[in-house]
């Protein structure tokens, strides 16, 4: 598995109504914020987290799952709330998603939070099983692997192949970002991420937007 590894008009309208599309206008300040859209993938599905205050329309912190399977195509497979923490490590396996990272505290060291979400059911996600380890050290880069790929505002534009058991189609994650200059040192920046299904001959047969934001971005100090 790796994460580095579009159907009739009526079907596309049904998918467009699905609440995974998150669109709004926000103002970006010069103060760094937590990352949004950290992700992982396994054969047939992709999971990613979003945060209130970063992704429009989200309350708290949420894990979302999208499946892409034979006969079913691309579809939202549920979402579940998580305790607030910055994801530093995330992995997808056959029947579960595991995440860990550190919360935000006003003083002292934040505890290491670890969560497991069972996804064996194709219809809904289990209630997260989370624990806090106050003795956990800040070693996620050396002990838990690299930072998870990001499909949100920190994502890199491009196509990423997704593994699936669907032998009649190929699936890819498409991340795009474009900007329009508003004035000196100020830009209107649009981020969009979607999963695309193509037939074997290369024609797009289905696509689903899973993340979209539009922000005004300025250079600090100007």
Protein backbone atom coordinates (compact mmCIF):
# COMPACT_ATOMS: atom_id res chain seq x y z
CA UNK A 1 0.00 0.00 0.00
CA UNK A 2 1.13 3.48 -0.66
CA UNK A 3 -0.36 6.92 -0.67
CA UNK A 4 2.66 8.48 -2.35
CA UNK A 5 1.40 3.84 -2.49
CA UNK A 6 -16.08 9.90 -12.47
CA UNK A 7 -20.13 7.77 -13.47
CA UNK A 8 -23.25 9.40 -15.14
CA UNK A 9 -24.28 13.00 -14.48
CA UNK A 10 -27.05 11.78 -12.13
CA UNK A 11 -24.57 9.77 -10.10
CA UNK A 12 -22.21 12.70 -9.91
CA UNK A 13 -25.05 14.90 -8.58
CA UNK A 14 -25.77 12.39 -5.84
CA UNK A 15 -22.13 12.36 -4.82
CA UNK A 16 -22.02 16.16 -4.92
CA UNK A 17 -24.68 16.20 -2.21
CA UNK A 18 -22.50 14.14 0.09
CA UNK A 19 -21.22 16.15 3.02
CA UNK A 20 -17.58 15.39 2.43
CA UNK A 21 -17.19 18.53 0.32
CA UNK A 22 -16.06 21.30 2.66
CA UNK A 23 -16.08 24.76 1.10
CA UNK A 24 -15.68 28.18 2.71
CA UNK A 25 -13.65 31.34 2.84
CA UNK A 26 -11.28 31.85 5.75
CA UNK A 27 -8.57 34.29 6.76
CA UNK A 28 -5.08 32.97 7.37
CA UNK A 29 -3.06 34.74 10.03
CA UNK A 30 0.70 34.79 10.42
CA UNK A 31 0.50 32.50 13.46
CA UNK A 32 1.19 28.85 12.54
CA UNK A 33 -1.76 26.52 13.15
CA UNK A 34 -2.10 22.79 13.50
CA UNK A 35 -2.10 20.72 10.33
CA UNK A 36 -5.39 19.57 8.86
CA UNK A 37 -5.97 16.65 6.50
CA UNK A 38 -3.34 14.19 7.75
CA UNK A 39 -4.07 10.87 6.09
CA UNK A 40 -3.28 7.24 5.42
CA UNK A 41 -4.61 4.66 2.97
CA UNK A 42 -5.02 0.91 2.60
CA UNK A 43 -6.36 -1.16 -0.27
CA UNK A 44 -9.89 0.11 -0.93
CA UNK A 45 -10.07 3.05 1.48
CA UNK A 46 -8.53 6.34 2.61
CA UNK A 47 -8.77 7.94 6.07
CA UNK A 48 -8.01 11.53 7.08
CA UNK A 49 -8.59 13.89 10.00
CA UNK A 50 -9.99 17.42 10.00
CA UNK A 51 -10.18 20.07 12.74
CA UNK A 52 -12.67 22.71 13.82
CA UNK A 53 -11.31 26.17 13.11
CA UNK A 54 -9.26 24.92 10.16
CA UNK A 55 -11.73 22.99 8.00
CA UNK A 56 -15.07 24.78 7.51
CA UNK A 57 -18.17 23.01 8.81
CA UNK A 58 -16.34 20.75 11.26
CA UNK A 59 -17.07 20.54 14.99
CA UNK A 60 -14.17 19.34 17.13
CA UNK A 61 -11.74 16.91 15.53
CA UNK A 62 -13.10 14.28 13.14
CA UNK A 63 -11.74 11.20 11.39
CA UNK A 64 -13.32 10.61 7.95
CA UNK A 65 -13.15 7.49 5.79
CA UNK A 66 -13.79 7.16 2.04
CA UNK A 67 -13.98 3.78 0.31
CA UNK A 68 -13.38 2.90 -3.35
CA UNK A 69 -14.46 -0.64 -4.18
CA UNK A 70 -15.73 -2.90 -7.00
CA UNK A 71 -19.39 -2.26 -7.94
CA UNK A 72 -19.65 0.46 -5.25
CA UNK A 73 -17.18 2.97 -6.69
CA UNK A 74 -16.18 5.93 -4.50
CA UNK A 75 -18.34 6.60 -1.44
CA UNK A 76 -18.16 8.14 2.01
CA UNK A 77 -17.93 5.39 4.62
CA UNK A 78 -18.48 7.38 7.80
CA UNK A 79 -16.86 9.74 10.25
CA UNK A 80 -16.26 9.78 13.99
CA UNK A 81 -15.20 12.38 16.55
CA UNK A 82 -11.74 12.29 18.16
CA UNK A 83 -10.23 14.02 21.21
CA UNK A 84 -8.32 17.16 20.24
CA UNK A 85 -4.70 16.46 19.38
CA UNK A 86 -2.25 17.06 16.54
CA UNK A 87 -1.76 13.85 14.56
CA UNK A 88 1.93 12.98 14.17
CA UNK A 89 1.62 9.31 13.24
CA UNK A 90 -1.21 7.55 11.40
CA UNK A 91 -1.52 4.15 9.80
CA UNK A 92 -4.28 2.28 7.97
CA UNK A 93 -4.58 -1.50 8.10
CA UNK A 94 -7.20 -3.99 6.89
CA UNK A 95 -9.68 -3.34 9.68
CA UNK A 96 -8.50 -0.35 11.68
CA UNK A 97 -6.96 3.12 11.68
CA UNK A 98 -4.40 3.98 14.35
CA UNK A 99 -3.39 7.55 15.20
CA UNK A 100 -1.16 9.17 17.77
CA UNK A 101 0.08 12.65 18.54
CA UNK A 102 0.17 15.46 21.07
CA UNK A 103 -2.53 17.81 22.30
CA UNK A 104 -2.33 21.51 23.05
CA UNK A 105 -1.80 22.60 26.68
CA UNK A 106 -1.29 26.03 28.22
CA UNK A 107 1.67 24.91 30.31
CA UNK A 108 3.93 21.91 30.60
CA UNK A 109 4.17 18.99 28.20
CA UNK A 110 1.11 17.68 26.36
CA UNK A 111 0.41 13.96 26.86
CA UNK A 112 0.84 11.54 24.00
CA UNK A 113 -2.63 10.56 22.76
CA UNK A 114 -3.16 7.23 20.99
CA UNK A 115 -6.44 6.29 19.26
CA UNK A 116 -7.68 3.19 17.44
CA UNK A 117 -10.78 3.20 15.22
CA UNK A 118 -12.18 -0.11 13.96
CA UNK A 119 -13.45 0.09 10.38
CA UNK A 120 -14.30 -3.56 9.66
CA UNK A 121 -17.92 -2.55 8.99
CA UNK A 122 -18.24 -0.95 5.56
CA UNK A 123 -21.18 1.17 6.79
CA UNK A 124 -19.94 2.84 9.97
CA UNK A 125 -16.88 3.40 12.15
CA UNK A 126 -16.47 2.23 15.73
CA UNK A 127 -16.26 4.55 18.72
CA UNK A 128 -12.55 5.49 19.02
CA UNK A 129 -10.57 3.76 21.74
CA UNK A 130 -8.18 6.43 23.01
CA UNK A 131 -5.63 6.59 25.80
CA UNK A 132 -3.31 9.34 27.06
CA UNK A 133 0.26 8.62 28.05
CA UNK A 134 1.63 11.56 30.11
CA UNK A 135 5.03 9.89 30.12
CA UNK A 136 5.12 9.64 26.32
CA UNK A 137 8.16 11.43 24.93
CA UNK A 138 8.17 13.60 21.85
CA UNK A 139 9.79 10.97 19.64
CA UNK A 140 7.21 10.48 16.90
CA UNK A 141 9.64 11.16 14.06
CA UNK A 142 12.29 8.66 15.16
CA UNK A 143 10.13 6.00 16.83
CA UNK A 144 6.84 6.13 14.90
CA UNK A 145 7.81 6.83 11.32
CA UNK A 146 7.48 9.95 9.15
CA UNK A 147 4.76 12.58 9.42
CA UNK A 148 1.60 11.29 7.66
CA UNK A 149 0.89 12.56 4.12
CA UNK A 150 -1.31 15.66 4.09
CA UNK A 151 -4.21 16.13 1.66
CA UNK A 152 -5.34 19.49 3.07
CA UNK A 153 -3.79 22.96 2.95
CA UNK A 154 -0.29 21.52 3.42
CA UNK A 155 -0.72 18.94 0.66
CA UNK A 156 1.48 18.96 -2.44
CA UNK A 157 -0.32 19.30 -5.78
CA UNK A 158 -0.27 16.15 -7.90
CA UNK A 159 -1.73 12.70 -8.51
CA UNK A 160 -1.25 9.89 -5.99
CA UNK A 161 -2.21 6.28 -6.90
CA UNK A 162 -4.57 4.43 -4.54
CA UNK A 163 -4.74 0.64 -4.27
CA UNK A 164 -8.10 -1.10 -4.77
CA UNK A 165 -9.51 -4.57 -5.40
CA UNK A 166 -11.50 -3.11 -8.30
CA UNK A 167 -9.98 -4.73 -11.39
CA UNK A 168 -12.05 -2.63 -13.82
CA UNK A 169 -10.94 0.79 -12.59
CA UNK A 170 -7.98 2.72 -11.29
CA UNK A 171 -8.18 5.21 -8.41
CA UNK A 172 -6.08 8.29 -7.73
CA UNK A 173 -5.97 11.10 -5.19
CA UNK A 174 -5.81 14.45 -7.00
CA UNK A 175 -4.55 17.43 -4.98
CA UNK A 176 -4.72 20.85 -6.65
CA UNK A 177 -3.87 24.34 -5.45
CA UNK A 178 -4.13 27.59 -7.34
CA UNK A 179 -3.99 31.26 -6.38
CA UNK A 180 -5.04 34.69 -7.62
CA UNK A 181 -3.19 37.80 -6.56
CA UNK A 182 -5.50 40.30 -4.84
CA UNK A 183 -3.04 43.05 -4.05
CA UNK A 184 0.58 43.45 -3.00
CA UNK A 185 1.55 40.50 -0.78
CA UNK A 186 -2.03 39.14 -0.69
CA UNK A 187 -3.48 36.15 -2.55
CA UNK A 188 -6.75 34.26 -2.85
CA UNK A 189 -5.65 30.61 -2.47
CA UNK A 190 -7.88 27.65 -3.40
CA UNK A 191 -7.18 24.11 -2.16
CA UNK A 192 -9.07 21.12 -3.58
CA UNK A 193 -8.63 17.37 -3.07
CA UNK A 194 -10.66 14.66 -4.78
CA UNK A 195 -10.59 10.94 -5.46
CA UNK A 196 -10.85 10.06 -9.14
CA UNK A 197 -11.95 6.76 -10.68
CA UNK A 198 -10.87 6.01 -14.24
CA UNK A 199 -11.73 3.14 -16.56
CA UNK A 200 -8.83 1.04 -17.77
CA UNK A 201 -8.70 2.96 -21.05
CA UNK A 202 -8.10 6.14 -19.05
CA UNK A 203 -11.53 7.84 -19.21
CA UNK A 204 -12.73 9.42 -15.96
CA UNK A 205 -15.87 7.63 -14.76
CA UNK A 206 -16.36 9.07 -11.24
CA UNK A 207 -14.90 11.72 -8.97
CA UNK A 208 -15.63 12.84 -5.42
CA UNK A 209 -14.35 16.03 -3.75
CA UNK A 210 -13.34 15.22 -0.19
CA UNK A 211 -11.65 18.47 0.84
CA UNK A 212 -11.95 22.05 -0.44
CA UNK A 213 -11.11 25.44 1.05
CA UNK A 214 -10.56 28.94 -0.21
CA UNK A 215 -8.47 31.31 1.91
CA UNK A 216 -6.98 34.77 1.76
CA UNK A 217 -3.27 34.57 2.47
CA UNK A 218 -0.90 37.44 3.22
CA UNK A 219 2.81 37.70 3.89
CA UNK A 220 3.48 38.43 7.57
CA UNK A 221 4.46 41.98 8.33
CA UNK A 222 2.78 43.50 5.25
